[in-house]
Amino acid sequence: MKRFLALLFLFGISTGIAVLVLARRSDATRYQDSLAQAEARFAKEREEMNQALEEARSRPPEVITKTVTVQAPPPPPPTAAEILKKLIELKSGPGFADIRAQRQAVVLFEALVSLGPIAFPAIQEFLLRFEDADYTPDSRRRDISQEVQPGMVDEARRKWWQPLAIGERPLGESHARRAPLSFSVPPTLRLGLFDVLHAIGGDPAEEILLDQLQRTGRAVEVAYLAHTLKDMSGTEHREAILQTTHELLLAPPQPQTGALVDAKAKDYLYAVLEMFDDITFSPSAIQVLIDPSGQLDHHAFEYLGRTLQDNIVPVLTFAWSNPSLTNDWDRGALAGAAMPHASTNVQATQLIRATILEDSFPRDLRIKMVRALEEPVRSDPSPETTLSVRIQLLNELFGQLQDVELLQETSLVRQRLVHQSQERSKTVPAENPIPRIGR
């Protein structure tokens, strides 16, 4: 039995080995078949690729066109000479009527500023030719052309005199407000270039501006250059500025440009004196106080009032007595300016009396002078003394006045002054008051 089981075990092992051998042979056969198929496919694909390569080599090359956008370099900025040429061509008739042209002017001036110091040679060359372009806007041009200049007619002189006489405005009020130096659009090309030099700055710019100050004969340019140089270097050029200003005030040139900024020449020049608090022109101002036409130079008059202050009375008396002075209202202005000094200066009181008593003067002027005695003095340290002096002056006038209407006005003013004095002192008025005189 044992022998039989051993034989059966050996038979099983032999059978298994035989099966494995057969299986291995079958796998090898399938592998060889797959390898042969893969080689056949590879050979076919290689043949197709070689054929496609030959066909590609035989075809002409394909041209592909592509559009490439390349940004062009920006054009070079305009030169200073080119910008100046455009500014010159901006002239439009007598002045700027077009808002667009004004804006273009501002843009072009800023373009010059952006160039910096390289713009100096072209600017200096143009300025030395003393050419110009008028950029005054038409709207502002009409205002200036219609403005009544002081001293042109008696009506204008009356309007100017009365505030002085009745104390509404002290002598010496600034003229600078009538001479503006700030412009949204420069009124002339030359002024615009001065502003460009100021904006760029530096010693070369300052030298060009100073050279123009010493060469120009236009008041508005002197004032603008003085303002610009003062802003750049303080009072360094004060003496040169004042020397030029004094020379122009004593011998003003006749500008040939016709620009409307020249109409305010004296306003601009006296504004320069005020800008630097200059009092050294006072002796010269006395010399030009009465102009060749026999009129009072209001600019010199206001300047002297501002610089001499309480010492103005001798000048007022001298000018009032000058036979060269032919305008009656100018003499009234001189007496009106003496009004604030009447309580402390006998000469001022005599000047007022002479004006009221002068029969050749218009009655209107003399009556206004009497009424001015009723007006208070600004910042009067002794109003009681002022009232007393004025009442005494009116008392003296009664024995000398011949005009009935003037006498009546004098009586009314005196009564009111006496009442003011009584209210202040609470005392009995002077004896024998002079009654109101009728027609």
Protein backbone atom coordinates (compact mmCIF):
# COMPACT_ATOMS: atom_id res chain seq x y z
CA MET A 1 0.00 0.00 0.00
CA LYS A 2 2.80 2.41 0.88
CA ARG A 3 4.49 1.64 -2.36
CA PHE A 4 1.39 2.50 -4.29
CA LEU A 5 1.06 5.91 -2.61
CA ALA A 6 4.68 6.74 -3.36
CA LEU A 7 4.23 5.94 -7.05
CA LEU A 8 1.07 8.03 -7.15
CA PHE A 9 2.94 11.01 -5.60
CA LEU A 10 5.74 10.81 -8.15
CA PHE A 11 3.25 10.62 -10.99
CA GLY A 12 1.59 13.87 -9.77
CA ILE A 13 4.89 15.68 -9.59
CA SER A 14 5.86 14.56 -13.10
CA THR A 15 2.54 15.65 -14.49
CA GLY A 16 2.88 19.14 -12.91
CA ILE A 17 6.36 19.56 -14.32
CA ALA A 18 5.16 18.59 -17.78
CA VAL A 19 2.31 21.11 -17.58
CA LEU A 20 4.67 23.95 -16.55
CA VAL A 21 7.05 23.17 -19.40
CA LEU A 22 4.22 23.27 -21.91
CA ALA A 23 2.93 26.57 -20.47
CA ARG A 24 6.38 28.16 -20.76
CA ARG A 25 6.66 27.10 -24.37
CA SER A 26 3.25 28.58 -25.15
CA ASP A 27 4.20 31.96 -23.57
CA ALA A 28 7.41 32.08 -25.58
CA THR A 29 5.48 31.46 -28.78
CA ARG A 30 3.02 34.32 -28.01
CA TYR A 31 5.90 36.64 -27.17
CA GLN A 32 7.63 35.90 -30.45
CA ASP A 33 4.39 36.54 -32.32
CA SER A 34 3.86 39.92 -30.55
CA LEU A 35 7.44 40.94 -31.20
CA ALA A 36 7.12 40.12 -34.87
CA GLN A 37 3.89 42.20 -35.11
CA ALA A 38 5.51 45.17 -33.35
CA GLU A 39 8.50 45.02 -35.67
CA ALA A 40 6.17 44.95 -38.67
CA ARG A 41 4.24 48.05 -37.41
CA PHE A 42 7.49 49.90 -36.67
CA ALA A 43 8.83 49.10 -40.12
CA LYS A 44 5.58 50.38 -41.70
CA GLU A 45 5.59 53.63 -39.64
CA ARG A 46 9.27 54.18 -40.46
CA GLU A 47 8.53 53.77 -44.11
CA GLU A 48 5.59 56.26 -43.90
CA MET A 49 7.75 58.80 -42.03
CA ASN A 50 10.56 58.47 -44.58
CA GLN A 51 8.05 58.97 -47.37
CA ALA A 52 6.57 62.08 -45.62
CA LEU A 53 10.08 63.44 -45.11
CA GLU A 54 10.88 63.05 -48.79
CA GLU A 55 7.63 64.77 -49.73
CA ALA A 56 8.38 67.64 -47.33
CA ARG A 57 11.83 68.07 -48.79
CA SER A 58 10.42 68.26 -52.28
CA ARG A 59 7.76 70.97 -51.36
CA PRO A 60 8.69 74.74 -51.54
CA PRO A 61 9.11 76.40 -48.10
CA GLU A 62 5.94 77.91 -46.57
CA VAL A 63 6.10 81.69 -45.86
CA ILE A 64 4.25 82.87 -42.74
CA THR A 65 3.58 86.67 -42.48
CA LYS A 66 3.10 88.22 -39.05
CA THR A 67 2.36 91.91 -38.24
CA VAL A 68 4.45 93.21 -35.35
CA THR A 69 3.42 96.60 -33.83
CA VAL A 70 6.41 98.64 -32.73
CA GLN A 71 5.80 101.90 -30.78
CA ALA A 72 7.37 104.84 -32.57
CA PRO A 73 9.74 107.01 -30.50
CA PRO A 74 8.13 110.30 -29.29
CA PRO A 75 8.98 113.41 -31.32
CA PRO A 76 11.61 115.67 -29.79
CA PRO A 77 10.21 118.54 -27.67
CA PRO A 78 9.97 121.92 -29.40
CA THR A 79 12.89 124.25 -28.93
CA ALA A 80 12.63 127.56 -27.10
CA ALA A 81 12.83 129.42 -30.42
CA GLU A 82 9.92 127.40 -31.81
CA ILE A 83 7.81 128.07 -28.72
CA LEU A 84 8.60 131.79 -28.92
CA LYS A 85 7.53 131.83 -32.55
CA LYS A 86 4.14 130.38 -31.58
CA LEU A 87 3.75 132.93 -28.78
CA ILE A 88 4.43 135.77 -31.21
CA GLU A 89 1.88 134.40 -33.66
CA LEU A 90 -0.79 134.30 -30.95
CA LYS A 91 -1.42 138.01 -31.45
CA SER A 92 -5.10 138.40 -32.35
CA GLY A 93 -5.98 141.87 -33.53
CA PRO A 94 -5.84 144.51 -30.80
CA GLY A 95 -5.99 141.90 -28.05
CA PHE A 96 -7.13 138.43 -27.05
CA ALA A 97 -10.77 137.95 -27.90
CA ASP A 98 -10.45 134.16 -27.90
CA ILE A 99 -10.38 132.26 -24.60
CA ARG A 100 -8.71 129.37 -26.40
CA ALA A 101 -5.82 131.64 -27.43
CA GLN A 102 -5.35 132.68 -23.81
CA ARG A 103 -5.15 129.04 -22.75
CA GLN A 104 -2.64 128.33 -25.50
CA ALA A 105 -0.48 131.19 -24.24
CA VAL A 106 -0.43 129.70 -20.74
CA VAL A 107 0.48 126.25 -22.13
CA LEU A 108 3.31 127.68 -24.22
CA PHE A 109 4.75 129.66 -21.30
CA GLU A 110 4.70 126.48 -19.19
CA ALA A 111 6.46 124.64 -22.03
CA LEU A 112 9.27 127.19 -21.83
CA VAL A 113 9.47 126.68 -18.07
CA SER A 114 9.78 122.91 -18.58
CA LEU A 115 12.84 123.43 -20.82
CA GLY A 116 14.72 124.95 -17.91
CA PRO A 117 17.95 126.96 -18.32
CA ILE A 118 18.45 125.82 -21.94
CA ALA A 119 15.68 128.29 -22.84
CA PHE A 120 17.67 131.30 -21.54
CA PRO A 121 19.61 132.17 -24.73
CA ALA A 122 16.49 132.29 -26.92
CA ILE A 123 14.55 134.26 -24.31
CA GLN A 124 17.37 136.75 -23.81
CA GLU A 125 17.82 137.22 -27.55
CA PHE A 126 14.12 137.98 -27.96
CA LEU A 127 13.99 140.36 -24.98
CA LEU A 128 16.95 142.35 -26.33
CA ARG A 129 14.97 143.03 -29.54
CA PHE A 130 12.31 144.83 -27.44
CA GLU A 131 9.52 143.37 -29.51
CA ASP A 132 6.24 142.47 -27.86
CA ALA A 133 2.77 141.01 -28.30
CA ASP A 134 -0.32 142.36 -26.56
CA TYR A 135 -2.29 139.67 -24.72
CA THR A 136 -4.79 141.94 -22.95
CA PRO A 137 -8.22 140.23 -22.96
CA ASP A 138 -10.89 142.26 -24.73
CA SER A 139 -13.20 142.20 -21.68
CA ARG A 140 -10.56 143.80 -19.47
CA ARG A 141 -9.55 146.11 -22.31
CA ARG A 142 -13.02 147.70 -22.32
CA ASP A 143 -12.87 148.32 -18.58
CA ILE A 144 -9.54 150.09 -18.86
CA SER A 145 -10.48 152.15 -21.90
CA GLN A 146 -13.61 153.43 -20.17
CA GLU A 147 -11.87 154.29 -16.92
CA VAL A 148 -11.78 158.00 -16.10
CA GLN A 149 -8.25 159.01 -15.28
CA PRO A 150 -7.86 161.46 -12.35
CA GLY A 151 -7.16 165.00 -13.48
CA MET A 152 -8.71 164.68 -16.91
CA VAL A 153 -11.84 166.77 -16.22
CA ASP A 154 -13.19 168.91 -13.39
CA GLU A 155 -15.91 166.35 -12.62
CA ALA A 156 -13.31 163.69 -11.97
CA ARG A 157 -11.34 166.11 -9.81
CA ARG A 158 -14.39 166.93 -7.73
CA LYS A 159 -14.99 163.23 -7.11
CA TRP A 160 -11.37 162.76 -6.13
CA TRP A 161 -11.21 165.88 -3.94
CA GLN A 162 -14.36 165.47 -1.85
CA PRO A 163 -13.36 162.29 0.08
CA LEU A 164 -10.14 164.06 1.07
CA ALA A 165 -11.93 167.18 2.23
CA ILE A 166 -14.62 165.47 4.32
CA GLY A 167 -12.32 162.86 5.83
CA GLU A 168 -13.66 159.79 4.05
CA ARG A 169 -10.16 158.98 2.79
CA PRO A 170 -6.84 160.12 4.24
CA LEU A 171 -4.22 161.59 1.96
CA GLY A 172 -1.68 158.97 0.96
CA GLU A 173 -3.99 156.05 0.32
CA SER A 174 -2.20 153.40 -1.68
CA HIS A 175 -2.27 153.42 -5.46
CA ALA A 176 -0.92 149.85 -5.52
CA ARG A 177 -4.42 148.40 -5.65
CA ARG A 178 -4.87 150.11 -9.03
CA ALA A 179 -1.66 148.57 -10.35
CA PRO A 180 -2.07 144.78 -10.12
CA LEU A 181 0.96 142.60 -10.77
CA SER A 182 -0.80 139.22 -10.73
CA PHE A 183 -2.29 138.00 -14.00
CA SER A 184 -3.98 134.74 -14.99
CA VAL A 185 -2.74 135.47 -18.52
CA PRO A 186 0.21 137.88 -18.84
CA PRO A 187 -0.98 141.07 -20.59
CA THR A 188 2.10 141.09 -22.83
CA LEU A 189 4.56 138.54 -24.17
CA ARG A 190 7.52 140.23 -22.47
CA LEU A 191 5.84 140.10 -19.06
CA GLY A 192 5.13 136.43 -19.66
CA LEU A 193 8.81 135.80 -20.38
CA PHE A 194 9.78 137.63 -17.18
CA ASP A 195 7.51 135.22 -15.37
CA VAL A 196 9.14 132.25 -17.15
CA LEU A 197 12.59 133.39 -16.01
CA HIS A 198 11.26 133.79 -12.47
CA ALA A 199 9.80 130.28 -12.52
CA ILE A 200 13.03 128.68 -13.78
CA GLY A 201 15.10 130.72 -11.34
CA GLY A 202 18.83 130.73 -10.73
CA ASP A 203 21.54 133.38 -11.04
CA PRO A 204 21.48 133.49 -14.89
CA ALA A 205 17.73 134.19 -14.85
CA GLU A 206 18.20 136.92 -12.24
CA GLU A 207 20.95 138.53 -14.33
CA ILE A 208 18.70 138.66 -17.41
CA LEU A 209 15.88 140.22 -15.38
CA LEU A 210 18.18 142.83 -13.84
CA ASP A 211 19.58 143.69 -17.28
CA GLN A 212 16.04 144.22 -18.58
CA LEU A 213 15.22 146.45 -15.60
CA GLN A 214 18.12 148.73 -16.51
CA ARG A 215 17.19 148.79 -20.19
CA THR A 216 13.41 149.07 -20.28
CA GLY A 217 11.50 152.33 -20.30
CA ARG A 218 8.03 150.90 -19.64
CA ALA A 219 6.55 151.50 -16.21
CA VAL A 220 4.62 148.25 -16.05
CA GLU A 221 7.80 146.30 -16.84
CA VAL A 222 9.77 148.17 -14.17
CA ALA A 223 7.07 147.35 -11.61
CA TYR A 224 6.83 143.70 -12.68
CA LEU A 225 10.61 143.29 -12.67
CA ALA A 226 10.87 144.99 -9.28
CA HIS A 227 8.24 142.64 -7.87
CA THR A 228 9.96 139.61 -9.43
CA LEU A 229 13.49 140.52 -8.33
CA LYS A 230 12.28 141.27 -4.81
CA ASP A 231 10.71 137.83 -4.66
CA MET A 232 13.90 136.19 -5.92
CA SER A 233 16.51 138.06 -3.86
CA GLY A 234 14.77 140.32 -1.35
CA THR A 235 16.15 143.86 -1.27
CA GLU A 236 19.47 143.04 -2.94
CA HIS A 237 18.59 145.11 -6.02
CA ARG A 238 16.66 147.83 -4.17
CA GLU A 239 18.95 150.70 -5.18
CA ALA A 240 18.98 149.77 -8.87
CA ILE A 241 15.19 149.39 -8.89
CA LEU A 242 14.57 152.73 -7.17
CA GLN A 243 17.08 154.55 -9.39
CA THR A 244 15.29 153.34 -12.52
CA THR A 245 11.90 154.22 -11.01
CA HIS A 246 12.99 157.74 -10.02
CA GLU A 247 14.40 158.39 -13.50
CA LEU A 248 11.16 157.36 -15.19
CA LEU A 249 9.03 159.46 -12.84
CA LEU A 250 11.11 162.56 -13.55
CA ALA A 251 11.29 162.03 -17.32
CA PRO A 252 8.57 159.56 -18.32
CA PRO A 253 9.09 158.21 -21.85
CA GLN A 254 6.28 157.99 -24.37
CA PRO A 255 5.69 154.26 -25.01
CA GLN A 256 5.24 153.38 -28.65
CA THR A 257 3.59 149.98 -28.15
CA GLY A 258 0.05 151.23 -27.58
CA ALA A 259 -0.57 148.46 -25.05
CA LEU A 260 -3.21 149.32 -22.49
CA VAL A 261 -0.97 148.43 -19.53
CA ASP A 262 0.92 151.65 -20.34
CA ALA A 263 -2.16 153.71 -19.45
CA LYS A 264 -1.42 153.18 -15.73
CA ALA A 265 2.26 154.06 -15.91
CA LYS A 266 2.37 156.34 -12.86
CA ASP A 267 0.27 153.94 -10.81
CA TYR A 268 2.88 151.25 -11.45
CA LEU A 269 5.88 153.46 -10.74
CA TYR A 270 4.53 154.86 -7.47
CA ALA A 271 3.56 151.30 -6.51
CA VAL A 272 7.27 150.43 -6.76
CA LEU A 273 8.12 153.24 -4.32
CA GLU A 274 5.51 151.89 -1.94
CA MET A 275 6.77 148.34 -2.45
CA PHE A 276 10.17 149.33 -1.05
CA ASP A 277 8.90 151.94 1.46
CA ASP A 278 10.92 154.59 -0.35
CA ILE A 279 10.77 158.16 0.98
CA THR A 280 13.82 159.48 -0.85
CA PHE A 281 11.75 160.62 -3.82
CA SER A 282 9.94 163.24 -1.69
CA PRO A 283 12.05 166.26 -2.83
CA SER A 284 11.54 165.26 -6.46
CA ALA A 285 7.82 164.68 -5.89
CA ILE A 286 7.51 168.28 -4.67
CA GLN A 287 9.13 169.43 -7.91
CA VAL A 288 6.64 167.51 -10.06
CA LEU A 289 3.62 168.17 -7.83
CA ILE A 290 2.27 170.63 -10.41
CA ASP A 291 2.58 169.32 -13.95
CA PRO A 292 3.33 171.46 -17.03
CA SER A 293 -0.39 171.76 -17.83
CA GLY A 294 -1.04 173.49 -14.49
CA GLN A 295 -2.75 170.49 -12.92
CA LEU A 296 -1.98 168.83 -9.61
CA ASP A 297 -0.20 165.52 -10.05
CA HIS A 298 -2.38 163.31 -7.91
CA HIS A 299 0.17 160.51 -7.77
CA ALA A 300 2.88 162.80 -6.38
CA PHE A 301 0.31 164.36 -4.05
CA GLU A 302 -0.73 161.00 -2.58
CA TYR A 303 2.91 159.91 -2.30
CA LEU A 304 3.85 163.07 -0.36
CA GLY A 305 0.89 162.63 1.94
CA ARG A 306 2.03 159.09 2.71
CA THR A 307 5.70 159.95 3.23
CA LEU A 308 5.53 163.39 4.87
CA GLN A 309 2.40 162.77 6.97
CA ASP A 310 2.20 165.59 9.58
CA ASN A 311 4.91 167.55 7.75
CA ILE A 312 2.76 167.89 4.62
CA VAL A 313 1.22 171.29 5.50
CA PRO A 314 4.10 173.50 4.21
CA VAL A 315 3.98 171.61 0.92
CA LEU A 316 0.21 172.11 0.71
CA THR A 317 0.59 175.85 1.29
CA PHE A 318 3.43 176.15 -1.22
CA ALA A 319 1.47 174.36 -3.94
CA TRP A 320 -1.77 176.28 -3.17
CA SER A 321 0.07 179.59 -3.59
CA ASN A 322 1.89 178.54 -6.75
CA PRO A 323 0.55 180.61 -9.69
CA SER A 324 1.29 177.70 -12.04
CA LEU A 325 -1.61 175.79 -10.48
CA THR A 326 -4.64 176.67 -12.60
CA ASN A 327 -7.32 174.23 -11.45
CA ASP A 328 -9.58 175.48 -8.62
CA TRP A 329 -10.56 171.98 -7.53
CA ASP A 330 -6.90 171.12 -7.16
CA ARG A 331 -6.57 174.00 -4.71
CA GLY A 332 -9.62 172.63 -2.93
CA ALA A 333 -7.87 169.27 -2.68
CA LEU A 334 -4.84 170.92 -1.11
CA ALA A 335 -7.03 172.70 1.47
CA GLY A 336 -9.00 169.50 2.09
CA ALA A 337 -5.78 167.64 2.82
CA ALA A 338 -4.95 170.33 5.41
CA MET A 339 -8.25 169.76 7.24
CA PRO A 340 -6.98 167.01 9.64
CA HIS A 341 -4.10 169.33 10.70
CA ALA A 342 -6.17 172.45 11.40
CA SER A 343 -6.36 171.91 15.16
CA THR A 344 -2.57 171.74 15.57
CA ASN A 345 -1.20 173.80 12.68
CA VAL A 346 -2.02 177.48 12.17
CA GLN A 347 -0.80 177.28 8.57
CA ALA A 348 -3.40 174.61 7.84
CA THR A 349 -6.18 176.78 9.30
CA GLN A 350 -5.05 179.73 7.18
CA LEU A 351 -5.13 177.56 4.07
CA ILE A 352 -8.72 176.47 4.75
CA ARG A 353 -9.78 180.09 5.45
CA ALA A 354 -8.17 181.32 2.22
CA THR A 355 -10.00 178.67 0.20
CA ILE A 356 -13.42 179.53 1.67
CA LEU A 357 -12.86 183.28 1.20
CA GLU A 358 -11.54 183.06 -2.37
CA ASP A 359 -14.36 184.60 -4.47
CA SER A 360 -12.95 183.25 -7.73
CA PHE A 361 -13.47 179.66 -6.62
CA PRO A 362 -16.75 177.87 -7.49
CA ARG A 363 -19.40 178.33 -4.81
CA ASP A 364 -19.88 174.55 -4.69
CA LEU A 365 -16.25 174.10 -3.73
CA ARG A 366 -16.40 176.72 -0.99
CA ILE A 367 -19.64 175.33 0.47
CA LYS A 368 -18.19 171.81 0.51
CA MET A 369 -15.16 173.14 2.34
CA VAL A 370 -17.40 174.73 5.00
CA ARG A 371 -19.34 171.47 5.38
CA ALA A 372 -16.07 169.57 5.69
CA LEU A 373 -15.42 171.45 8.93
CA GLU A 374 -18.26 169.47 10.45
CA GLU A 375 -16.73 166.10 9.66
CA PRO A 376 -14.70 164.39 12.43
CA VAL A 377 -10.98 163.78 12.00
CA ARG A 378 -9.85 160.17 11.94
CA SER A 379 -8.07 159.15 15.14
CA ASP A 380 -8.33 162.67 16.55
CA PRO A 381 -6.44 162.72 19.89
CA SER A 382 -8.21 165.95 20.99
CA PRO A 383 -11.68 166.35 19.46
CA GLU A 384 -12.51 169.18 21.89
CA THR A 385 -9.58 171.23 20.59
CA THR A 386 -10.57 170.49 17.00
CA LEU A 387 -14.12 171.70 17.65
CA SER A 388 -12.88 174.87 19.33
CA VAL A 389 -10.52 175.74 16.47
CA ARG A 390 -13.19 175.13 13.84
CA ILE A 391 -15.80 177.20 15.68
CA GLN A 392 -13.30 180.04 15.99
CA LEU A 393 -12.54 179.81 12.26
CA LEU A 394 -16.25 180.02 11.39
CA ASN A 395 -16.66 183.01 13.70
CA GLU A 396 -13.89 184.81 11.84
CA LEU A 397 -15.45 184.02 8.46
CA PHE A 398 -18.67 185.89 9.27
CA GLY A 399 -16.99 189.26 9.10
CA GLN A 400 -15.42 188.52 5.71
CA LEU A 401 -17.90 186.48 3.65
CA GLN A 402 -20.11 188.35 1.17
CA ASP A 403 -22.00 185.45 -0.43
CA VAL A 404 -25.40 185.04 1.31
CA GLU A 405 -25.74 181.33 0.57
CA LEU A 406 -22.24 180.70 1.86
CA LEU A 407 -23.00 182.73 4.98
CA GLN A 408 -26.11 180.68 5.63
CA GLU A 409 -24.19 177.41 5.29
CA THR A 410 -21.48 178.74 7.58
CA SER A 411 -24.07 179.62 10.23
CA LEU A 412 -25.68 176.17 10.08
CA VAL A 413 -22.36 174.37 10.38
CA ARG A 414 -21.30 176.60 13.27
CA GLN A 415 -24.52 175.91 15.15
CA ARG A 416 -24.04 172.17 14.82
CA LEU A 417 -20.42 172.40 15.94
CA VAL A 418 -21.41 174.48 18.97
CA HIS A 419 -24.02 171.84 19.80
CA GLN A 420 -21.40 169.11 19.54
CA SER A 421 -19.10 171.09 21.80
CA GLN A 422 -21.89 171.56 24.37
CA GLU A 423 -22.65 167.86 24.34
CA ARG A 424 -19.02 167.10 25.01
CA SER A 425 -18.34 169.64 27.68
CA LYS A 426 -21.87 170.16 29.07
CA THR A 427 -21.13 173.87 29.39
CA VAL A 428 -22.88 177.02 28.22
CA PRO A 429 -21.93 178.05 24.69
CA ALA A 430 -19.88 181.13 23.97
CA GLU A 431 -21.56 184.52 24.47
CA ASN A 432 -23.24 186.35 21.59
CA PRO A 433 -23.70 183.35 19.33
CA ILE A 434 -24.05 184.32 15.71
CA PRO A 435 -27.62 183.70 14.53
CA ARG A 436 -28.57 181.88 11.32
CA ILE A 437 -28.53 184.23 8.39
CA GLY A 438 -31.24 183.90 5.79
CA ARG A 439 -31.18 184.92 2.17
